[in-house]
């Protein structure tokens, strides 16, 4: 079975239940509203703006991107997938769903920050888009793989936070530093940072596909 039927099935379930999207959107609205209430009218530095942006995206991802494999375990359909689908197709389908959700959250969070925070002024749109897509895609890859691991454990919520932090931290730190440049006029693009982020993302993607095959057969 290719990844397309699995992707269509997951997308249809999400549109029917709207569980993950609702969780993500509600989390973003609440957090951004808190930032607006406490920081409105204050002068915010670019590095602070980029940091709080990725904090919102990271914790939103933790709360909303893990449902794919947990749903299969709860419903008992994971056995069917193991019998009739190959690991690459399953992982690709779950990852595509998470990529769609993460980038939807990117758009929503960016719009809310631009509208509510006075200093959230993006001078380099291309730089901003490239950074947010690359970093959030890497987060999706990591959390998708980890959600497959924790779906077989009893202590799911705490285990995800423990496992994700060391793997996500390098990308979050570098992504925050790089994103801050998009808020500074005529700052320019740091090629070395982008190459490192792209290399890290490529490494994580490659490793995740290799590891998932072993996790799926376990």
C-alpha atoms as a PDB file:
ATOM      1  CA  UNK A   1       0.000   0.000   0.000  1.00  0.00           C
ATOM      2  CA  UNK A   2       1.353   3.441  -0.914  1.00  0.00           C
ATOM      3  CA  UNK A   3       1.276   6.409   1.451  1.00  0.00           C
ATOM      4  CA  UNK A   4      -1.576   8.139  -0.450  1.00  0.00           C
ATOM      5  CA  UNK A   5      -4.518   6.048   0.954  1.00  0.00           C
ATOM      6  CA  UNK A   6      -3.129   6.384   4.489  1.00  0.00           C
ATOM      7  CA  UNK A   7      -2.669  10.125   4.024  1.00  0.00           C
ATOM      8  CA  UNK A   8      -6.210  10.494   2.666  1.00  0.00           C
ATOM      9  CA  UNK A   9      -7.607   8.458   5.562  1.00  0.00           C
ATOM     10  CA  UNK A  10      -5.811  10.547   8.190  1.00  0.00           C
ATOM     11  CA  UNK A  11      -6.793  13.786   6.483  1.00  0.00           C
ATOM     12  CA  UNK A  12     -10.443  12.713   6.347  1.00  0.00           C
ATOM     13  CA  UNK A  13     -10.396  11.747  10.042  1.00  0.00           C
ATOM     14  CA  UNK A  14      -8.872  15.097  10.950  1.00  0.00           C
ATOM     15  CA  UNK A  15     -11.475  17.032   8.971  1.00  0.00           C
ATOM     16  CA  UNK A  16     -14.243  15.049  10.660  1.00  0.00           C
ATOM     17  CA  UNK A  17     -12.990  15.311  14.230  1.00  0.00           C
ATOM     18  CA  UNK A  18     -10.875  18.502  13.956  1.00  0.00           C
ATOM     19  CA  UNK A  19      -9.166  17.364  17.166  1.00  0.00           C
ATOM     20  CA  UNK A  20      -5.547  18.183  16.333  1.00  0.00           C
ATOM     21  CA  UNK A  21      -6.297  21.434  14.521  1.00  0.00           C
ATOM     22  CA  UNK A  22      -8.577  22.592  17.336  1.00  0.00           C
ATOM     23  CA  UNK A  23      -5.946  21.768  19.960  1.00  0.00           C
ATOM     24  CA  UNK A  24      -3.217  23.579  18.048  1.00  0.00           C
ATOM     25  CA  UNK A  25      -5.279  26.655  17.245  1.00  0.00           C
ATOM     26  CA  UNK A  26      -6.595  26.992  20.803  1.00  0.00           C
ATOM     27  CA  UNK A  27      -3.109  26.679  22.258  1.00  0.00           C
ATOM     28  CA  UNK A  28      -1.731  29.350  19.910  1.00  0.00           C
ATOM     29  CA  UNK A  29      -4.587  31.772  20.599  1.00  0.00           C
ATOM     30  CA  UNK A  30      -4.221  31.421  24.375  1.00  0.00           C
ATOM     31  CA  UNK A  31      -0.427  31.827  24.397  1.00  0.00           C
ATOM     32  CA  UNK A  32      -0.381  34.757  21.965  1.00  0.00           C
ATOM     33  CA  UNK A  33      -3.143  36.457  23.978  1.00  0.00           C
ATOM     34  CA  UNK A  34      -1.040  36.095  27.139  1.00  0.00           C
ATOM     35  CA  UNK A  35       2.003  37.561  25.403  1.00  0.00           C
ATOM     36  CA  UNK A  36      -0.086  40.438  24.094  1.00  0.00           C
ATOM     37  CA  UNK A  37      -1.604  41.161  27.499  1.00  0.00           C
ATOM     38  CA  UNK A  38       1.765  41.179  29.296  1.00  0.00           C
ATOM     39  CA  UNK A  39       4.038  42.665  26.603  1.00  0.00           C
ATOM     40  CA  UNK A  40       1.793  45.173  24.851  1.00  0.00           C
ATOM     41  CA  UNK A  41       3.471  48.568  24.623  1.00  0.00           C
ATOM     42  CA  UNK A  42       6.934  47.316  25.604  1.00  0.00           C
ATOM     43  CA  UNK A  43       9.994  47.487  23.377  1.00  0.00           C
ATOM     44  CA  UNK A  44      10.917  43.953  22.343  1.00  0.00           C
ATOM     45  CA  UNK A  45      14.289  42.946  20.945  1.00  0.00           C
ATOM     46  CA  UNK A  46      14.446  40.826  17.741  1.00  0.00           C
ATOM     47  CA  UNK A  47      16.020  37.850  19.533  1.00  0.00           C
ATOM     48  CA  UNK A  48      13.206  37.905  22.107  1.00  0.00           C
ATOM     49  CA  UNK A  49      10.566  38.009  19.375  1.00  0.00           C
ATOM     50  CA  UNK A  50      12.105  35.059  17.544  1.00  0.00           C
ATOM     51  CA  UNK A  51      12.493  33.100  20.778  1.00  0.00           C
ATOM     52  CA  UNK A  52       8.886  33.447  21.873  1.00  0.00           C
ATOM     53  CA  UNK A  53       7.769  32.582  18.345  1.00  0.00           C
ATOM     54  CA  UNK A  54       9.570  29.239  18.424  1.00  0.00           C
ATOM     55  CA  UNK A  55       8.483  28.556  21.992  1.00  0.00           C
ATOM     56  CA  UNK A  56       4.870  28.816  20.832  1.00  0.00           C
ATOM     57  CA  UNK A  57       5.462  26.599  17.802  1.00  0.00           C
ATOM     58  CA  UNK A  58       7.391  23.991  19.793  1.00  0.00           C
ATOM     59  CA  UNK A  59       4.836  23.530  22.559  1.00  0.00           C
ATOM     60  CA  UNK A  60       1.955  23.671  20.101  1.00  0.00           C
ATOM     61  CA  UNK A  61       3.634  20.882  18.154  1.00  0.00           C
ATOM     62  CA  UNK A  62       4.057  18.792  21.311  1.00  0.00           C
ATOM     63  CA  UNK A  63       0.380  19.130  22.113  1.00  0.00           C
ATOM     64  CA  UNK A  64      -1.064  18.507  18.648  1.00  0.00           C
ATOM     65  CA  UNK A  65       1.234  16.439  16.424  1.00  0.00           C
ATOM     66  CA  UNK A  66       1.347  13.178  18.368  1.00  0.00           C
ATOM     67  CA  UNK A  67      -2.183  11.992  17.682  1.00  0.00           C
ATOM     68  CA  UNK A  68      -1.483  10.053  14.461  1.00  0.00           C
ATOM     69  CA  UNK A  69       0.083   6.927  15.936  1.00  0.00           C
ATOM     70  CA  UNK A  70      -1.786   7.220  19.239  1.00  0.00           C
ATOM     71  CA  UNK A  71      -5.079   7.126  17.317  1.00  0.00           C
ATOM     72  CA  UNK A  72      -4.008   3.970  15.478  1.00  0.00           C
ATOM     73  CA  UNK A  73      -3.062   2.298  18.775  1.00  0.00           C
ATOM     74  CA  UNK A  74      -6.312   3.290  20.490  1.00  0.00           C
ATOM     75  CA  UNK A  75      -8.498   2.098  17.617  1.00  0.00           C
ATOM     76  CA  UNK A  76      -6.498  -1.070  16.989  1.00  0.00           C
ATOM     77  CA  UNK A  77      -5.940  -0.187  13.330  1.00  0.00           C
ATOM     78  CA  UNK A  78      -2.178  -0.203  13.728  1.00  0.00           C
ATOM     79  CA  UNK A  79      -2.180  -3.987  13.238  1.00  0.00           C
ATOM     80  CA  UNK A  80      -3.867  -3.554   9.853  1.00  0.00           C
ATOM     81  CA  UNK A  81      -1.248  -1.013   8.817  1.00  0.00           C
ATOM     82  CA  UNK A  82       1.555  -3.319   9.902  1.00  0.00           C
ATOM     83  CA  UNK A  83       0.113  -6.160   7.833  1.00  0.00           C
ATOM     84  CA  UNK A  84      -0.768  -4.306   4.624  1.00  0.00           C
ATOM     85  CA  UNK A  85       1.535  -1.244   4.532  1.00  0.00           C
ATOM     86  CA  UNK A  86       5.269  -0.783   4.407  1.00  0.00           C
ATOM     87  CA  UNK A  87       6.977   1.416   7.044  1.00  0.00           C
ATOM     88  CA  UNK A  88       8.026   4.105   4.561  1.00  0.00           C
ATOM     89  CA  UNK A  89       4.434   4.661   3.390  1.00  0.00           C
ATOM     90  CA  UNK A  90       3.078   4.877   6.939  1.00  0.00           C
ATOM     91  CA  UNK A  91       5.740   7.298   8.126  1.00  0.00           C
ATOM     92  CA  UNK A  92       5.442   9.477   5.008  1.00  0.00           C
ATOM     93  CA  UNK A  93       1.659   9.755   5.387  1.00  0.00           C
ATOM     94  CA  UNK A  94       1.854  10.660   9.084  1.00  0.00           C
ATOM     95  CA  UNK A  95       4.649  13.131   8.414  1.00  0.00           C
ATOM     96  CA  UNK A  96       2.734  14.895   5.627  1.00  0.00           C
ATOM     97  CA  UNK A  97      -0.257  15.402   7.933  1.00  0.00           C
ATOM     98  CA  UNK A  98       2.009  16.884  10.604  1.00  0.00           C
ATOM     99  CA  UNK A  99       3.752  19.126   8.079  1.00  0.00           C
ATOM    100  CA  UNK A 100       0.394  20.527   6.987  1.00  0.00           C
ATOM    101  CA  UNK A 101      -0.641  21.192  10.583  1.00  0.00           C
ATOM    102  CA  UNK A 102       2.679  22.730  11.594  1.00  0.00           C
ATOM    103  CA  UNK A 103       2.799  25.110   8.662  1.00  0.00           C
ATOM    104  CA  UNK A 104      -0.840  26.050   9.264  1.00  0.00           C
ATOM    105  CA  UNK A 105       0.156  26.951  12.808  1.00  0.00           C
ATOM    106  CA  UNK A 106       3.097  28.925  11.415  1.00  0.00           C
ATOM    107  CA  UNK A 107       0.755  31.039   9.329  1.00  0.00           C
ATOM    108  CA  UNK A 108      -1.709  31.587  12.177  1.00  0.00           C
ATOM    109  CA  UNK A 109       1.002  32.438  14.722  1.00  0.00           C
ATOM    110  CA  UNK A 110       2.759  34.810  12.333  1.00  0.00           C
ATOM    111  CA  UNK A 111      -0.473  36.649  11.565  1.00  0.00           C
ATOM    112  CA  UNK A 112      -1.357  36.992  15.251  1.00  0.00           C
ATOM    113  CA  UNK A 113       2.119  38.213  16.172  1.00  0.00           C
ATOM    114  CA  UNK A 114       2.148  40.761  13.346  1.00  0.00           C
ATOM    115  CA  UNK A 115      -1.295  42.045  14.316  1.00  0.00           C
ATOM    116  CA  UNK A 116      -0.831  42.118  18.096  1.00  0.00           C
ATOM    117  CA  UNK A 117       2.856  42.814  18.764  1.00  0.00           C
ATOM    118  CA  UNK A 118       4.021  46.271  17.677  1.00  0.00           C
ATOM    119  CA  UNK A 119       7.689  45.287  17.218  1.00  0.00           C
ATOM    120  CA  UNK A 120       6.946  42.145  15.209  1.00  0.00           C
ATOM    121  CA  UNK A 121       7.864  43.763  11.889  1.00  0.00           C
ATOM    122  CA  UNK A 122       9.234  41.437   9.214  1.00  0.00           C
ATOM    123  CA  UNK A 123      11.721  43.220   6.960  1.00  0.00           C
ATOM    124  CA  UNK A 124      12.813  40.153   4.990  1.00  0.00           C
ATOM    125  CA  UNK A 125       9.780  38.047   4.048  1.00  0.00           C
ATOM    126  CA  UNK A 126      11.785  35.462   2.083  1.00  0.00           C
ATOM    127  CA  UNK A 127      14.211  34.944   4.966  1.00  0.00           C
ATOM    128  CA  UNK A 128      11.321  34.677   7.415  1.00  0.00           C
ATOM    129  CA  UNK A 129       9.425  32.137   5.296  1.00  0.00           C
ATOM    130  CA  UNK A 130      12.513  30.024   4.651  1.00  0.00           C
ATOM    131  CA  UNK A 131      13.416  29.918   8.334  1.00  0.00           C
ATOM    132  CA  UNK A 132       9.938  29.085   9.619  1.00  0.00           C
ATOM    133  CA  UNK A 133       9.298  26.377   7.025  1.00  0.00           C
ATOM    134  CA  UNK A 134      12.679  24.707   7.533  1.00  0.00           C
ATOM    135  CA  UNK A 135      12.681  24.751  11.331  1.00  0.00           C
ATOM    136  CA  UNK A 136       9.029  23.761  11.734  1.00  0.00           C
ATOM    137  CA  UNK A 137       9.439  20.941   9.194  1.00  0.00           C
ATOM    138  CA  UNK A 138      12.336  19.594  11.239  1.00  0.00           C
ATOM    139  CA  UNK A 139      10.184  19.754  14.369  1.00  0.00           C
ATOM    140  CA  UNK A 140       7.477  17.795  12.559  1.00  0.00           C
ATOM    141  CA  UNK A 141       9.945  15.114  11.505  1.00  0.00           C
ATOM    142  CA  UNK A 142      11.275  14.681  15.043  1.00  0.00           C
ATOM    143  CA  UNK A 143       7.880  14.673  16.755  1.00  0.00           C
ATOM    144  CA  UNK A 144       6.386  12.277  14.190  1.00  0.00           C
ATOM    145  CA  UNK A 145       9.137   9.753  14.859  1.00  0.00           C
ATOM    146  CA  UNK A 146       8.916  10.184  18.628  1.00  0.00           C
ATOM    147  CA  UNK A 147       5.134   9.829  18.578  1.00  0.00           C
ATOM    148  CA  UNK A 148       5.601   6.398  17.005  1.00  0.00           C
ATOM    149  CA  UNK A 149       7.933   5.471  19.877  1.00  0.00           C
ATOM    150  CA  UNK A 150       5.743   6.755  22.703  1.00  0.00           C
ATOM    151  CA  UNK A 151       2.569   5.203  21.251  1.00  0.00           C
ATOM    152  CA  UNK A 152       3.846   1.876  22.590  1.00  0.00           C
ATOM    153  CA  UNK A 153       4.591   3.205  26.091  1.00  0.00           C
ATOM    154  CA  UNK A 154       2.406   3.842  29.110  1.00  0.00           C
ATOM    155  CA  UNK A 155       3.731   7.283  30.105  1.00  0.00           C
ATOM    156  CA  UNK A 156       3.217   9.082  26.806  1.00  0.00           C
ATOM    157  CA  UNK A 157       3.087  12.792  27.647  1.00  0.00           C
ATOM    158  CA  UNK A 158       6.180  13.080  29.842  1.00  0.00           C
ATOM    159  CA  UNK A 159       8.206  10.730  27.644  1.00  0.00           C
ATOM    160  CA  UNK A 160       7.642  12.881  24.561  1.00  0.00           C
ATOM    161  CA  UNK A 161       8.918  16.020  26.301  1.00  0.00           C
ATOM    162  CA  UNK A 162      12.013  14.215  27.597  1.00  0.00           C
ATOM    163  CA  UNK A 163      12.886  12.649  24.235  1.00  0.00           C
ATOM    164  CA  UNK A 164      12.139  15.663  22.070  1.00  0.00           C
ATOM    165  CA  UNK A 165      14.030  18.330  24.006  1.00  0.00           C
ATOM    166  CA  UNK A 166      17.656  17.291  23.241  1.00  0.00           C
ATOM    167  CA  UNK A 167      16.930  16.633  19.561  1.00  0.00           C
ATOM    168  CA  UNK A 168      14.866  19.777  19.010  1.00  0.00           C
ATOM    169  CA  UNK A 169      17.029  22.175  21.038  1.00  0.00           C
ATOM    170  CA  UNK A 170      19.859  22.699  18.474  1.00  0.00           C
ATOM    171  CA  UNK A 171      17.373  23.558  15.732  1.00  0.00           C
ATOM    172  CA  UNK A 172      15.339  25.849  18.000  1.00  0.00           C
ATOM    173  CA  UNK A 173      18.420  27.756  19.188  1.00  0.00           C
ATOM    174  CA  UNK A 174      19.875  28.253  15.733  1.00  0.00           C
ATOM    175  CA  UNK A 175      16.441  28.941  14.246  1.00  0.00           C
ATOM    176  CA  UNK A 176      15.787  31.645  16.846  1.00  0.00           C
ATOM    177  CA  UNK A 177      19.115  33.353  16.204  1.00  0.00           C
ATOM    178  CA  UNK A 178      18.585  33.205  12.460  1.00  0.00           C
ATOM    179  CA  UNK A 179      14.959  34.375  12.587  1.00  0.00           C
ATOM    180  CA  UNK A 180      15.965  37.445  14.597  1.00  0.00           C
ATOM    181  CA  UNK A 181      17.814  38.724  11.528  1.00  0.00           C
ATOM    182  CA  UNK A 182      14.516  38.920   9.632  1.00  0.00           C
ATOM    183  CA  UNK A 183      13.347  41.574  12.121  1.00  0.00           C
ATOM    184  CA  UNK A 184      16.410  43.799  11.567  1.00  0.00           C
ATOM    185  CA  UNK A 185      16.394  46.061   8.549  1.00  0.00           C
ATOM    186  CA  UNK A 186      19.258  45.447   6.095  1.00  0.00           C
ATOM    187  CA  UNK A 187      20.695  42.729   8.351  1.00  0.00           C
ATOM    188  CA  UNK A 188      21.123  40.241   5.532  1.00  0.00           C
ATOM    189  CA  UNK A 189      21.095  36.482   5.358  1.00  0.00           C
ATOM    190  CA  UNK A 190      23.716  34.391   7.213  1.00  0.00           C
ATOM    191  CA  UNK A 191      24.555  31.582   4.815  1.00  0.00           C
ATOM    192  CA  UNK A 192      26.442  29.509   7.398  1.00  0.00           C
ATOM    193  CA  UNK A 193      23.402  29.334   9.689  1.00  0.00           C
ATOM    194  CA  UNK A 194      21.151  28.255   6.853  1.00  0.00           C
ATOM    195  CA  UNK A 195      23.593  25.554   5.717  1.00  0.00           C
ATOM    196  CA  UNK A 196      23.812  24.183   9.262  1.00  0.00           C
ATOM    197  CA  UNK A 197      20.022  24.139   9.650  1.00  0.00           C
ATOM    198  CA  UNK A 198      19.575  22.474   6.262  1.00  0.00           C
ATOM    199  CA  UNK A 199      22.238  19.869   7.086  1.00  0.00           C
ATOM    200  CA  UNK A 200      20.700  19.150  10.477  1.00  0.00           C
ATOM    201  CA  UNK A 201      17.257  18.809   8.919  1.00  0.00           C
ATOM    202  CA  UNK A 202      18.584  16.460   6.256  1.00  0.00           C
ATOM    203  CA  UNK A 203      20.362  14.345   8.871  1.00  0.00           C
ATOM    204  CA  UNK A 204      17.244  14.125  11.042  1.00  0.00           C
ATOM    205  CA  UNK A 205      15.107  13.165   8.026  1.00  0.00           C
ATOM    206  CA  UNK A 206      17.490  10.409   6.945  1.00  0.00           C
ATOM    207  CA  UNK A 207      17.893   8.982  10.446  1.00  0.00           C
ATOM    208  CA  UNK A 208      14.152   9.091  11.133  1.00  0.00           C
ATOM    209  CA  UNK A 209      13.315   7.001   8.052  1.00  0.00           C
ATOM    210  CA  UNK A 210      15.950   4.408   8.996  1.00  0.00           C
ATOM    211  CA  UNK A 211      14.857   4.271  12.632  1.00  0.00           C
ATOM    212  CA  UNK A 212      11.159   4.123  11.892  1.00  0.00           C
ATOM    213  CA  UNK A 213      11.489   0.827  10.074  1.00  0.00           C
ATOM    214  CA  UNK A 214      12.919  -0.782  13.212  1.00  0.00           C
ATOM    215  CA  UNK A 215      10.326   0.895  15.447  1.00  0.00           C
ATOM    216  CA  UNK A 216       7.481  -0.204  13.190  1.00  0.00           C
ATOM    217  CA  UNK A 217       8.566  -3.854  13.210  1.00  0.00           C
ATOM    218  CA  UNK A 218       9.091  -3.944  16.956  1.00  0.00           C
END
